[in-house]
Amino acid sequence: MTLAVPDLHEERLGNGATVVVAARPGVPLVAARLFVRAGSALDGAGKYGLAHMVSVVARRGAGRRAGPSIDALVESLGADLGGDAEEDATVYGLSAPVEALPTLLGVLVDVVAAPTFPAGEFERLRRRELAGLARDSDEPGVLADRAMLASGYGEHPYGHAVEGRLRDLRRVRLADVRAFHRRWYGPANATLVVVGPLSPADVLGRARRTLGRWRATAETPAEVAAAALAARRVVVVDKPDATQTQIRIAGAALWRASPDYFPAVVANAVLGGGFTSRMVEAIRVNRGLSYGVRTRFAMSRSAGLFTFSSFTKNETAGELVEVALAEMSRFVEEGATAEEVARATAYLAGLFPLSLETHDQWADRLCDARICGYGLDEVRDYRERVRAVSVAEVRDVARRQLPVQGGVILAVGPAKDVARQLDRFGPLHIVPARSVL
């Protein structure tokens, strides 16, 4: 059974901005997203976290309104408004009652097109972000995920957390935030998506009167290059006080619009993406090495990572890595059984409609499709396409995408206990925890 996709009404405005309206019956709420193709991949060396800071500070003053005035207006109308940077874009979202859209659409556009970037707010928010990053140093799991990006991607533009690093944010100045906005934010790089029980003609008219007034010339971001699988190496992030070791295995893999997408989703569900997966069975059930085991394909517009994530006692770090690599190798060599594929495809097909129940979920999906470059036919036919994945396709995508020979094995824990267990898996590098931040 195909999934009904709302009728889309699209218009490219005279200034180059794109507007997409999806009239969808249901609760009297509206979900609007205004995204700009300017994400953390454009941060630049030494300025990691810059796109994120732009998204955070833009909300604190825009057009003729100061931050507190925006807060009061949004709250009085029972709405929510904010921005989040991603790798390939920054998305500003509005969720509100339908009757509030005429008032708040202009505010949303002002936040994106005409932020005032008050100096006091910038400094306050930068201190808040720095404090948050400093707290991350006490969270081994967060350290592991951040180090995994840097080690798995290397110098690739996706190779850092969107929130940035302490040493970079300390150097970021208000002039950098304003320059980033001036360089990349313009109507030709912007798309407005609106979903809800509304009149497309009315929304398009309002978009022409608000978004259509934006006059700015911005650079067009170049496409990010694909990422290559690096040679195998082992990285130990030394955290002497850790009582458990966080383990990550990662390697460059497919991008979101890849033709391998559906086979990869099914392969991951069998291998480590669910509670009944092979990794859970081998690591948690059979050996009791960890309560938490997960694999996933993290996919963006131009590249992605395959990641294995878990944790264990310090003294069993090497055993956990050995079991994980053995399961990956066996999966590559033998593939999945017909029963495993049938179970995984039934689960994925049954779960998918739950991700598209609300206007907000549809707005996010429409944005994601345009940012990452895949068509809505994938959404409409998702259940049929996932059910059509064959045992052979699962085996083949595992052979192409799993890092059984290359990639990084990463551990966050006390190096004195962990390093000697892991040096047999590849060239060993020990780095202090502070280097991750």
Protein backbone atom coordinates (compact mmCIF):
# COMPACT_ATOMS: atom_id res chain seq x y z
CA MET A 1 0.00 0.00 0.00
CA THR A 2 1.36 3.42 -0.97
CA LEU A 3 1.36 6.33 1.45
CA ALA A 4 -0.71 9.36 0.50
CA VAL A 5 1.51 12.39 -0.08
CA PRO A 6 -0.19 15.78 0.29
CA ASP A 7 -0.69 17.77 -2.90
CA LEU A 8 2.15 20.25 -3.19
CA HIS A 9 1.79 23.76 -4.53
CA GLU A 10 5.16 25.22 -5.44
CA GLU A 11 6.26 28.63 -6.65
CA ARG A 12 9.61 30.25 -7.26
CA LEU A 13 9.39 33.89 -6.26
CA GLY A 14 10.88 36.74 -8.22
CA ASN A 15 13.82 37.03 -5.81
CA GLY A 16 14.75 33.36 -6.27
CA ALA A 17 13.21 31.94 -3.08
CA THR A 18 11.13 28.76 -3.36
CA VAL A 19 7.80 28.26 -1.60
CA VAL A 20 6.18 24.85 -1.12
CA VAL A 21 2.69 24.57 0.39
CA ALA A 22 1.09 21.28 1.39
CA ALA A 23 -2.60 21.52 2.26
CA ARG A 24 -3.24 18.73 4.75
CA PRO A 25 -6.41 18.19 6.78
CA GLY A 26 -6.28 17.58 10.47
CA VAL A 27 -5.71 19.56 13.63
CA PRO A 28 -5.89 23.36 13.15
CA LEU A 29 -2.14 23.85 13.42
CA VAL A 30 0.42 24.94 10.86
CA ALA A 31 4.03 23.83 10.51
CA ALA A 32 6.33 26.16 8.59
CA ARG A 33 10.01 25.64 7.84
CA LEU A 34 12.29 28.18 6.19
CA PHE A 35 15.66 26.64 5.40
CA VAL A 36 18.80 28.10 3.90
CA ARG A 37 21.47 26.00 2.24
CA ALA A 38 24.10 27.07 4.73
CA GLY A 39 25.03 24.50 7.34
CA SER A 40 28.01 23.41 9.39
CA ALA A 41 29.82 22.09 6.30
CA LEU A 42 30.47 25.77 5.52
CA ASP A 43 31.93 26.60 8.94
CA GLY A 44 35.50 26.54 7.73
CA ALA A 45 38.62 25.38 9.56
CA GLY A 46 39.04 27.02 12.92
CA LYS A 47 35.43 28.23 12.99
CA TYR A 48 33.56 25.04 13.81
CA GLY A 49 30.18 25.95 15.30
CA LEU A 50 29.75 29.15 13.29
CA ALA A 51 26.58 28.11 11.43
CA HIS A 52 25.14 26.96 14.74
CA MET A 53 25.86 30.32 16.36
CA VAL A 54 24.13 32.12 13.48
CA SER A 55 20.99 30.02 14.03
CA VAL A 56 21.03 30.62 17.77
CA VAL A 57 21.61 34.38 17.73
CA ALA A 58 19.25 35.12 14.81
CA ARG A 59 16.27 34.38 17.06
CA ARG A 60 17.33 37.08 19.54
CA GLY A 61 16.43 40.08 17.42
CA ALA A 62 15.11 40.50 13.88
CA GLY A 63 13.56 43.22 11.80
CA ARG A 64 12.12 45.83 14.15
CA ARG A 65 11.68 43.41 17.05
CA ALA A 66 14.11 42.73 19.87
CA GLY A 67 14.47 39.22 21.23
CA PRO A 68 12.11 39.72 24.21
CA SER A 69 9.44 41.12 21.90
CA ILE A 70 9.70 38.08 19.66
CA ASP A 71 9.48 35.83 22.72
CA ALA A 72 6.37 37.60 24.00
CA LEU A 73 4.60 37.53 20.64
CA VAL A 74 5.36 33.88 19.94
CA GLU A 75 4.30 32.82 23.43
CA SER A 76 1.10 34.87 23.36
CA LEU A 77 0.01 33.09 20.19
CA GLY A 78 0.74 29.60 21.51
CA ALA A 79 3.54 29.03 19.00
CA ASP A 80 7.11 27.82 18.87
CA LEU A 81 9.88 29.40 16.77
CA GLY A 82 13.56 28.52 16.52
CA GLY A 83 16.44 27.55 14.30
CA ASP A 84 18.79 24.56 14.05
CA ALA A 85 21.87 24.15 11.91
CA GLU A 86 22.54 20.83 10.19
CA GLU A 87 25.43 19.73 8.00
CA ASP A 88 23.94 20.97 4.72
CA ALA A 89 21.44 23.62 5.77
CA THR A 90 20.03 25.65 8.62
CA VAL A 91 16.33 25.13 9.25
CA TYR A 92 14.15 27.69 11.03
CA GLY A 93 10.89 26.21 12.23
CA LEU A 94 7.52 27.61 13.22
CA SER A 95 4.70 25.60 14.77
CA ALA A 96 1.55 27.56 15.53
CA PRO A 97 -2.25 27.66 15.42
CA VAL A 98 -3.47 28.29 11.88
CA GLU A 99 -4.89 31.69 12.78
CA ALA A 100 -1.43 32.85 13.96
CA LEU A 101 0.26 32.25 10.62
CA PRO A 102 -0.49 35.70 9.12
CA THR A 103 1.29 37.35 12.06
CA LEU A 104 4.14 34.92 12.59
CA LEU A 105 5.12 34.21 8.99
CA GLY A 106 6.61 37.69 8.78
CA VAL A 107 8.48 37.12 12.05
CA LEU A 108 9.90 33.84 10.71
CA VAL A 109 11.08 35.58 7.55
CA ASP A 110 12.64 38.42 9.55
CA VAL A 111 14.57 35.97 11.75
CA VAL A 112 16.11 34.41 8.65
CA ALA A 113 16.44 37.42 6.36
CA ALA A 114 16.93 40.35 8.73
CA PRO A 115 18.47 39.31 12.07
CA THR A 116 20.03 42.19 13.97
CA PHE A 117 22.53 40.03 15.89
CA PRO A 118 22.60 42.12 19.08
CA ALA A 119 26.11 42.19 20.55
CA GLY A 120 24.94 41.54 24.11
CA GLU A 121 22.86 38.53 23.06
CA PHE A 122 25.74 37.14 21.03
CA GLU A 123 28.09 37.25 24.00
CA ARG A 124 25.50 35.75 26.34
CA LEU A 125 24.70 32.90 23.99
CA ARG A 126 28.33 32.24 23.18
CA ARG A 127 29.05 31.88 26.91
CA ARG A 128 26.11 29.51 27.19
CA GLU A 129 27.34 27.39 24.29
CA LEU A 130 30.88 27.30 25.71
CA ALA A 131 29.53 26.18 29.07
CA GLY A 132 27.57 23.42 27.37
CA LEU A 133 30.61 22.21 25.47
CA ALA A 134 32.65 22.24 28.67
CA ARG A 135 30.01 20.05 30.36
CA ASP A 136 30.33 17.62 27.48
CA SER A 137 33.85 16.78 28.67
CA ASP A 138 32.23 14.91 31.57
CA GLU A 139 30.08 12.79 29.23
CA PRO A 140 32.07 9.90 27.71
CA GLY A 141 29.29 9.12 25.25
CA VAL A 142 29.24 12.68 23.91
CA LEU A 143 33.04 12.69 23.66
CA ALA A 144 32.91 9.42 21.73
CA ASP A 145 30.33 10.69 19.25
CA ARG A 146 32.29 13.89 18.63
CA ALA A 147 35.58 12.05 18.25
CA MET A 148 33.88 9.56 15.93
CA LEU A 149 32.90 12.32 13.51
CA ALA A 150 36.41 13.72 13.42
CA SER A 151 38.06 10.30 13.10
CA GLY A 152 35.53 8.79 10.71
CA TYR A 153 35.37 11.75 8.32
CA GLY A 154 38.87 13.18 8.81
CA GLU A 155 39.23 16.56 7.10
CA HIS A 156 35.87 16.23 5.32
CA PRO A 157 33.47 19.19 5.88
CA TYR A 158 31.14 16.86 7.82
CA GLY A 159 33.93 15.91 10.21
CA HIS A 160 32.85 17.98 13.21
CA ALA A 161 29.81 18.36 15.42
CA VAL A 162 27.36 21.05 14.37
CA GLU A 163 27.74 22.69 17.79
CA GLY A 164 31.46 23.17 17.17
CA ARG A 165 34.43 22.93 19.50
CA LEU A 166 35.50 24.88 22.57
CA ARG A 167 38.71 26.13 21.02
CA ASP A 168 36.88 27.37 17.93
CA LEU A 169 33.92 29.03 19.66
CA ARG A 170 36.31 30.90 21.92
CA ARG A 171 37.68 32.56 18.78
CA VAL A 172 34.37 33.24 17.04
CA ARG A 173 33.39 36.89 17.09
CA LEU A 174 30.18 38.71 16.26
CA ALA A 175 31.78 39.90 13.02
CA ASP A 176 32.18 36.24 11.98
CA VAL A 177 28.48 35.57 12.58
CA ARG A 178 27.44 38.59 10.57
CA ALA A 179 29.86 37.73 7.76
CA PHE A 180 28.56 34.15 7.56
CA HIS A 181 24.99 35.41 7.28
CA ARG A 182 25.92 38.02 4.69
CA ARG A 183 27.86 35.49 2.59
CA TRP A 184 25.45 32.55 2.54
CA TYR A 185 21.97 33.79 3.46
CA GLY A 186 19.99 34.95 0.47
CA PRO A 187 16.62 34.19 -1.12
CA ALA A 188 18.14 32.11 -3.92
CA ASN A 189 19.42 29.70 -1.24
CA ALA A 190 16.14 29.64 0.70
CA THR A 191 13.03 27.44 0.64
CA LEU A 192 9.83 27.95 2.64
CA VAL A 193 7.72 24.87 3.39
CA VAL A 194 4.25 25.27 4.94
CA VAL A 195 2.00 22.34 5.94
CA GLY A 196 -1.47 22.41 7.47
CA PRO A 197 -5.22 22.79 6.85
CA LEU A 198 -4.89 26.01 4.90
CA SER A 199 -5.43 27.62 1.53
CA PRO A 200 -2.37 27.26 -0.72
CA ALA A 201 -3.32 30.40 -2.63
CA ASP A 202 -3.52 32.38 0.60
CA VAL A 203 -0.16 31.11 1.85
CA LEU A 204 1.54 31.76 -1.49
CA GLY A 205 0.16 35.30 -1.47
CA ARG A 206 1.49 35.92 2.03
CA ALA A 207 4.85 34.43 1.05
CA ARG A 208 5.12 36.86 -1.87
CA ARG A 209 4.45 39.78 0.48
CA THR A 210 6.94 38.65 3.15
CA LEU A 211 9.62 36.33 1.82
CA GLY A 212 9.34 37.92 -1.61
CA ARG A 213 10.61 41.25 -0.22
CA TRP A 214 13.97 39.75 0.77
CA ARG A 215 16.68 41.38 -1.28
CA ALA A 216 20.15 39.93 -0.76
CA THR A 217 22.80 38.38 -2.95
CA ALA A 218 24.48 35.33 -1.48
CA GLU A 219 27.04 32.85 -2.72
CA THR A 220 25.81 29.48 -3.93
CA PRO A 221 27.41 26.74 -1.82
CA ALA A 222 29.46 24.23 -3.78
CA GLU A 223 28.48 20.59 -3.49
CA VAL A 224 30.40 18.79 -0.76
CA ALA A 225 32.60 15.97 -2.03
CA ALA A 226 31.96 12.35 -1.15
CA ALA A 227 33.96 10.84 1.69
CA ALA A 228 36.39 7.96 1.18
CA LEU A 229 36.92 5.05 3.57
CA ALA A 230 40.24 5.59 5.34
CA ALA A 231 42.71 2.87 6.30
CA ARG A 232 42.05 1.10 9.60
CA ARG A 233 43.32 2.82 12.73
CA VAL A 234 42.58 2.78 16.43
CA VAL A 235 42.04 5.96 18.46
CA VAL A 236 41.91 5.93 22.25
CA VAL A 237 40.59 9.11 23.84
CA ASP A 238 42.18 9.05 27.27
CA LYS A 239 39.68 9.71 30.05
CA PRO A 240 41.40 8.37 33.17
CA ASP A 241 38.36 8.69 35.46
CA ALA A 242 36.00 6.69 33.23
CA THR A 243 34.64 3.53 34.86
CA GLN A 244 33.31 2.24 31.52
CA THR A 245 34.69 2.50 28.00
CA GLN A 246 32.66 3.91 25.15
CA ILE A 247 33.31 2.08 21.88
CA ARG A 248 32.67 3.34 18.36
CA ILE A 249 33.49 1.76 15.00
CA ALA A 250 32.94 4.05 12.02
CA GLY A 251 33.70 4.34 8.35
CA ALA A 252 32.67 6.51 5.42
CA ALA A 253 29.55 5.16 3.74
CA LEU A 254 26.65 6.11 1.49
CA TRP A 255 24.93 9.47 1.11
CA ARG A 256 21.20 9.95 1.69
CA ALA A 257 20.04 9.88 -1.94
CA SER A 258 22.17 6.86 -2.82
CA PRO A 259 20.48 4.04 -4.75
CA ASP A 260 21.74 1.79 -1.95
CA TYR A 261 19.49 3.55 0.58
CA PHE A 262 16.76 0.92 0.97
CA PRO A 263 19.10 -2.11 1.02
CA ALA A 264 21.25 -0.27 3.57
CA VAL A 265 18.27 0.47 5.83
CA VAL A 266 17.27 -3.19 5.81
CA ALA A 267 20.86 -4.40 6.30
CA ASN A 268 21.26 -2.12 9.29
CA ALA A 269 18.01 -3.34 10.86
CA VAL A 270 19.27 -6.92 10.67
CA LEU A 271 22.80 -6.16 11.84
CA GLY A 272 22.36 -3.74 14.71
CA GLY A 273 19.46 -1.36 14.25
CA GLY A 274 16.89 -3.15 16.38
CA PHE A 275 16.47 -4.94 19.69
CA THR A 276 16.46 -8.35 17.99
CA SER A 277 19.45 -7.62 15.76
CA ARG A 278 22.58 -9.73 15.41
CA MET A 279 24.78 -7.31 17.34
CA VAL A 280 22.38 -7.24 20.29
CA GLU A 281 22.21 -11.02 20.27
CA ALA A 282 25.99 -11.47 20.13
CA ILE A 283 27.05 -8.70 22.52
CA ARG A 284 24.21 -8.34 25.01
CA VAL A 285 22.36 -11.64 25.05
CA ASN A 286 25.15 -14.17 24.48
CA ARG A 287 28.05 -12.48 26.25
CA GLY A 288 26.58 -9.84 28.53
CA LEU A 289 29.23 -7.31 27.47
CA SER A 290 26.87 -4.33 27.24
CA TYR A 291 23.28 -3.27 27.72
CA GLY A 292 23.47 -0.80 24.83
CA VAL A 293 24.37 -1.78 21.26
CA ARG A 294 23.47 0.06 18.08
CA THR A 295 24.49 0.40 14.44
CA ARG A 296 23.26 3.00 12.00
CA PHE A 297 23.93 4.70 8.70
CA ALA A 298 24.15 8.44 9.36
CA MET A 299 23.49 9.94 5.94
CA SER A 300 23.68 13.54 4.74
CA ARG A 301 23.43 15.12 1.29
CA SER A 302 26.89 14.19 0.03
CA ALA A 303 28.33 11.57 2.37
CA GLY A 304 27.61 9.44 5.38
CA LEU A 305 29.05 7.22 8.09
CA PHE A 306 28.32 3.69 9.14
CA THR A 307 28.62 3.63 12.92
CA PHE A 308 28.66 0.98 15.62
CA SER A 309 28.09 2.30 19.16
CA SER A 310 28.32 0.56 22.50
CA PHE A 311 29.97 0.66 25.93
CA THR A 312 31.39 -1.90 28.30
CA LYS A 313 33.56 -2.41 31.37
CA ASN A 314 37.10 -1.15 30.90
CA GLU A 315 38.53 -4.65 31.12
CA THR A 316 36.28 -6.01 28.32
CA ALA A 317 36.81 -3.24 25.73
CA GLY A 318 38.95 -5.46 23.52
CA GLU A 319 36.51 -8.35 23.71
CA LEU A 320 33.59 -6.15 22.69
CA VAL A 321 35.49 -4.80 19.66
CA GLU A 322 36.49 -8.32 18.68
CA VAL A 323 32.90 -9.55 18.79
CA ALA A 324 31.59 -6.51 16.88
CA LEU A 325 34.17 -6.87 14.11
CA ALA A 326 33.52 -10.61 13.89
CA GLU A 327 29.78 -10.03 13.49
CA MET A 328 30.38 -7.39 10.82
CA SER A 329 32.75 -9.70 8.93
CA ARG A 330 30.33 -12.62 9.13
CA PHE A 331 27.53 -10.38 7.87
CA VAL A 332 29.67 -9.26 4.92
CA GLU A 333 30.68 -12.82 4.07
CA GLU A 334 27.36 -14.59 4.56
CA GLY A 335 24.74 -11.86 4.34
CA ALA A 336 21.36 -12.12 6.02
CA THR A 337 18.93 -15.01 5.97
CA ALA A 338 15.59 -14.79 4.19
CA GLU A 339 13.85 -14.90 7.58
CA GLU A 340 15.93 -12.00 8.92
CA VAL A 341 15.21 -9.88 5.86
CA ALA A 342 11.48 -10.66 6.00
CA ARG A 343 11.34 -9.73 9.68
CA ALA A 344 13.29 -6.50 9.17
CA THR A 345 11.28 -5.34 6.16
CA ALA A 346 7.97 -6.03 7.92
CA TYR A 347 9.14 -4.04 10.94
CA LEU A 348 10.38 -1.08 8.88
CA ALA A 349 7.30 -0.99 6.66
CA GLY A 350 5.00 -1.07 9.68
CA LEU A 351 6.90 1.62 11.56
CA PHE A 352 7.27 4.15 8.74
CA PRO A 353 3.74 5.65 8.74
CA LEU A 354 4.20 6.61 12.39
CA SER A 355 6.91 9.04 11.30
CA LEU A 356 4.43 11.02 9.19
CA GLU A 357 1.41 11.49 11.42
CA THR A 358 1.66 15.24 12.11
CA HIS A 359 2.02 18.44 10.14
CA ASP A 360 5.42 19.02 11.75
CA GLN A 361 6.66 15.59 10.67
CA TRP A 362 5.56 16.25 7.09
CA ALA A 363 7.22 19.66 7.07
CA ASP A 364 10.45 18.15 8.31
CA ARG A 365 10.27 15.38 5.72
CA LEU A 366 9.64 17.80 2.86
CA CYS A 367 12.64 19.86 3.94
CA ASP A 368 14.84 16.80 4.32
CA ALA A 369 13.95 15.59 0.83
CA ARG A 370 14.95 18.90 -0.72
CA ILE A 371 18.07 19.34 1.36
CA CYS A 372 19.33 15.82 0.74
CA GLY A 373 18.14 15.49 -2.85
CA TYR A 374 15.70 12.58 -2.88
CA GLY A 375 12.22 12.51 -4.36
CA LEU A 376 8.88 12.19 -2.62
CA ASP A 377 8.24 9.02 -4.62
CA GLU A 378 10.52 7.44 -2.01
CA VAL A 379 8.12 8.54 0.72
CA ARG A 380 5.00 7.51 -1.18
CA ASP A 381 6.37 4.06 -2.07
CA TYR A 382 8.49 3.50 1.05
CA ARG A 383 6.72 0.38 2.28
CA GLU A 384 6.72 -1.28 -1.13
CA ARG A 385 10.35 -0.45 -1.76
CA VAL A 386 11.54 -1.62 1.62
CA ARG A 387 9.59 -4.87 1.27
CA ALA A 388 11.15 -5.39 -2.17
CA VAL A 389 14.71 -5.49 -0.81
CA SER A 390 16.18 -8.93 -1.45
CA VAL A 391 18.62 -11.10 0.47
CA ALA A 392 21.18 -10.56 -2.29
CA GLU A 393 20.84 -6.77 -2.10
CA VAL A 394 21.41 -6.84 1.65
CA ARG A 395 24.56 -8.92 1.22
CA ASP A 396 25.86 -6.70 -1.58
CA VAL A 397 25.31 -3.42 0.26
CA ALA A 398 27.01 -4.83 3.36
CA ARG A 399 30.06 -5.70 1.27
CA ARG A 400 30.19 -2.20 -0.18
CA GLN A 401 29.40 -0.16 2.92
CA LEU A 402 30.57 -1.86 6.13
CA PRO A 403 34.08 -0.89 7.34
CA VAL A 404 35.43 -4.38 7.96
CA GLN A 405 38.88 -3.53 6.55
CA GLY A 406 39.13 0.23 7.05
CA GLY A 407 37.64 3.00 9.16
CA VAL A 408 38.29 3.87 12.78
CA ILE A 409 37.94 1.94 16.00
CA LEU A 410 37.51 4.52 18.74
CA ALA A 411 37.44 4.14 22.51
CA VAL A 412 36.86 6.71 25.23
CA GLY A 413 38.22 5.43 28.52
CA PRO A 414 41.39 5.16 30.62
CA ALA A 415 44.22 4.60 28.14
CA LYS A 416 46.25 2.65 30.68
CA ASP A 417 43.55 -0.02 30.76
CA VAL A 418 42.22 0.14 27.22
CA ALA A 419 45.10 0.80 24.83
CA ARG A 420 46.82 -2.54 25.28
CA GLN A 421 43.57 -4.34 24.49
CA LEU A 422 43.04 -2.51 21.20
CA ASP A 423 46.47 -2.17 19.60
CA ARG A 424 46.02 -5.54 17.88
CA PHE A 425 43.27 -4.10 15.69
CA GLY A 426 45.37 -1.47 13.92
CA PRO A 427 47.81 1.44 14.33
CA LEU A 428 47.15 2.96 17.75
CA HIS A 429 46.81 6.67 18.52
CA ILE A 430 46.22 7.96 22.07
CA VAL A 431 44.83 11.48 22.44
CA PRO A 432 43.77 13.45 25.53
CA ALA A 433 40.04 14.03 26.06
CA ARG A 434 40.51 17.80 25.86
CA SER A 435 41.67 17.48 22.22
CA VAL A 436 38.18 16.35 21.21
CA LEU A 437 36.66 19.61 22.40
